[in-house]
Amino acid sequence: MRQTYLVPVRETQAGTLVLRTGRLTSGERTGLAFTSEAALAATMGPFQRWIRLAEEPLRDMLTPLGVRCVRIDPRPASELSQLRAA
């Protein structure tokens, strides 16, 4: 069975769901995917909408946007800055 991920989305004014992306510190856009609702809520907030996608369709949807990298279970930037300070 293929691994599927929880992928954050937002709804446009027209009612279409679109993938949410993030940015690396370099400025490069990256895809976002999570392995659990808890991981998604910790990073994106408890009210973040999501869809379930396998990695291949996710990459297929990101490629036309110029997004080559997908981060699995990314951590919130605020949490990373706290780790660096420690």
C-alpha atoms as a PDB file:
ATOM      1  CA  MET A   1       0.000   0.000   0.000  1.00  0.00           C
ATOM      2  CA  ARG A   2       1.281   3.478  -0.888  1.00  0.00           C
ATOM      3  CA  GLN A   3       2.079   5.965   1.860  1.00  0.00           C
ATOM      4  CA  THR A   4      -0.369   8.854   1.871  1.00  0.00           C
ATOM      5  CA  TYR A   5       0.123  12.211   3.520  1.00  0.00           C
ATOM      6  CA  LEU A   6      -2.046  14.955   4.949  1.00  0.00           C
ATOM      7  CA  VAL A   7      -1.423  17.967   2.709  1.00  0.00           C
ATOM      8  CA  PRO A   8      -2.502  21.462   3.816  1.00  0.00           C
ATOM      9  CA  VAL A   9      -4.854  23.299   1.470  1.00  0.00           C
ATOM     10  CA  ARG A  10      -6.746  26.568   1.375  1.00  0.00           C
ATOM     11  CA  GLU A  11      -9.975  27.455  -0.381  1.00  0.00           C
ATOM     12  CA  THR A  12     -10.025  30.184  -3.020  1.00  0.00           C
ATOM     13  CA  GLN A  13     -12.884  32.653  -3.369  1.00  0.00           C
ATOM     14  CA  ALA A  14     -14.157  30.485  -6.233  1.00  0.00           C
ATOM     15  CA  GLY A  15     -14.346  27.491  -3.864  1.00  0.00           C
ATOM     16  CA  THR A  16     -11.372  25.626  -5.329  1.00  0.00           C
ATOM     17  CA  LEU A  17      -8.899  23.940  -3.004  1.00  0.00           C
ATOM     18  CA  VAL A  18      -5.232  24.774  -3.631  1.00  0.00           C
ATOM     19  CA  LEU A  19      -2.117  23.331  -2.044  1.00  0.00           C
ATOM     20  CA  ARG A  20      -0.347  25.427   0.565  1.00  0.00           C
ATOM     21  CA  THR A  21       3.407  25.652   0.199  1.00  0.00           C
ATOM     22  CA  GLY A  22       6.166  26.876   2.454  1.00  0.00           C
ATOM     23  CA  ARG A  23       9.520  28.562   1.960  1.00  0.00           C
ATOM     24  CA  LEU A  24      12.966  27.420   2.938  1.00  0.00           C
ATOM     25  CA  THR A  25      15.370  29.916   4.505  1.00  0.00           C
ATOM     26  CA  SER A  26      16.905  30.219   1.023  1.00  0.00           C
ATOM     27  CA  GLY A  27      13.546  31.526  -0.256  1.00  0.00           C
ATOM     28  CA  GLU A  28      12.859  28.417  -2.343  1.00  0.00           C
ATOM     29  CA  ARG A  29       9.247  27.206  -2.251  1.00  0.00           C
ATOM     30  CA  THR A  30       8.650  23.745  -0.828  1.00  0.00           C
ATOM     31  CA  GLY A  31       5.714  21.393  -0.666  1.00  0.00           C
ATOM     32  CA  LEU A  32       4.316  20.463   2.741  1.00  0.00           C
ATOM     33  CA  ALA A  33       3.105  17.033   3.838  1.00  0.00           C
ATOM     34  CA  PHE A  34       2.361  15.501   7.225  1.00  0.00           C
ATOM     35  CA  THR A  35       2.134  11.941   8.507  1.00  0.00           C
ATOM     36  CA  SER A  36      -0.488  12.679  11.176  1.00  0.00           C
ATOM     37  CA  GLU A  37      -3.163  15.192  12.123  1.00  0.00           C
ATOM     38  CA  ALA A  38      -1.177  15.980  15.295  1.00  0.00           C
ATOM     39  CA  ALA A  39       1.946  16.898  13.308  1.00  0.00           C
ATOM     40  CA  LEU A  40      -0.096  19.049  10.909  1.00  0.00           C
ATOM     41  CA  ALA A  41      -1.899  20.849  13.766  1.00  0.00           C
ATOM     42  CA  ALA A  42       1.385  21.497  15.618  1.00  0.00           C
ATOM     43  CA  THR A  43       2.846  23.249  12.591  1.00  0.00           C
ATOM     44  CA  MET A  44      -0.133  24.742  10.765  1.00  0.00           C
ATOM     45  CA  GLY A  45      -2.665  25.186  13.577  1.00  0.00           C
ATOM     46  CA  PRO A  46      -5.697  23.140  14.605  1.00  0.00           C
ATOM     47  CA  PHE A  47      -8.064  24.601  11.990  1.00  0.00           C
ATOM     48  CA  GLN A  48      -5.881  24.020   8.933  1.00  0.00           C
ATOM     49  CA  ARG A  49      -7.790  22.232   6.165  1.00  0.00           C
ATOM     50  CA  TRP A  50      -6.083  19.284   4.508  1.00  0.00           C
ATOM     51  CA  ILE A  51      -6.506  16.569   1.910  1.00  0.00           C
ATOM     52  CA  ARG A  52      -4.964  13.118   1.754  1.00  0.00           C
ATOM     53  CA  LEU A  53      -2.518  12.560  -1.129  1.00  0.00           C
ATOM     54  CA  ALA A  54       0.142  10.038  -2.032  1.00  0.00           C
ATOM     55  CA  GLU A  55       3.605  11.432  -2.753  1.00  0.00           C
ATOM     56  CA  GLU A  56       3.518  10.975  -6.532  1.00  0.00           C
ATOM     57  CA  PRO A  57       0.266  12.931  -7.130  1.00  0.00           C
ATOM     58  CA  LEU A  58       1.487  15.593  -4.691  1.00  0.00           C
ATOM     59  CA  ARG A  59       4.714  16.025  -6.655  1.00  0.00           C
ATOM     60  CA  ASP A  60       2.744  16.012  -9.925  1.00  0.00           C
ATOM     61  CA  MET A  61       0.639  18.914  -8.634  1.00  0.00           C
ATOM     62  CA  LEU A  62       3.665  20.872  -7.358  1.00  0.00           C
ATOM     63  CA  THR A  63       5.871  20.487 -10.452  1.00  0.00           C
ATOM     64  CA  PRO A  64       3.956  23.002 -12.639  1.00  0.00           C
ATOM     65  CA  LEU A  65       4.382  25.518  -9.789  1.00  0.00           C
ATOM     66  CA  GLY A  66       8.164  25.093  -9.933  1.00  0.00           C
ATOM     67  CA  VAL A  67       8.245  23.338  -6.549  1.00  0.00           C
ATOM     68  CA  ARG A  68      10.787  20.504  -6.518  1.00  0.00           C
ATOM     69  CA  CYS A  69      11.154  19.761  -2.792  1.00  0.00           C
ATOM     70  CA  VAL A  70       8.569  18.331  -0.370  1.00  0.00           C
ATOM     71  CA  ARG A  71       9.097  18.569   3.391  1.00  0.00           C
ATOM     72  CA  ILE A  72       7.551  15.756   5.415  1.00  0.00           C
ATOM     73  CA  ASP A  73       6.448  16.761   8.935  1.00  0.00           C
ATOM     74  CA  PRO A  74       8.168  20.163   8.859  1.00  0.00           C
ATOM     75  CA  ARG A  75       8.484  21.866  12.220  1.00  0.00           C
ATOM     76  CA  PRO A  76       7.255  25.396  12.946  1.00  0.00           C
ATOM     77  CA  ALA A  77       9.882  28.088  12.339  1.00  0.00           C
ATOM     78  CA  SER A  78       9.437  29.364  15.907  1.00  0.00           C
ATOM     79  CA  GLU A  79      10.310  25.925  17.277  1.00  0.00           C
ATOM     80  CA  LEU A  80      13.438  25.708  15.121  1.00  0.00           C
ATOM     81  CA  SER A  81      14.689  29.124  16.258  1.00  0.00           C
ATOM     82  CA  GLN A  82      14.267  28.006  19.884  1.00  0.00           C
ATOM     83  CA  LEU A  83      16.341  24.881  19.193  1.00  0.00           C
ATOM     84  CA  ARG A  84      19.104  26.976  17.605  1.00  0.00           C
ATOM     85  CA  ALA A  85      19.201  29.289  20.609  1.00  0.00           C
ATOM     86  CA  ALA A  86      19.543  26.353  23.035  1.00  0.00           C
END
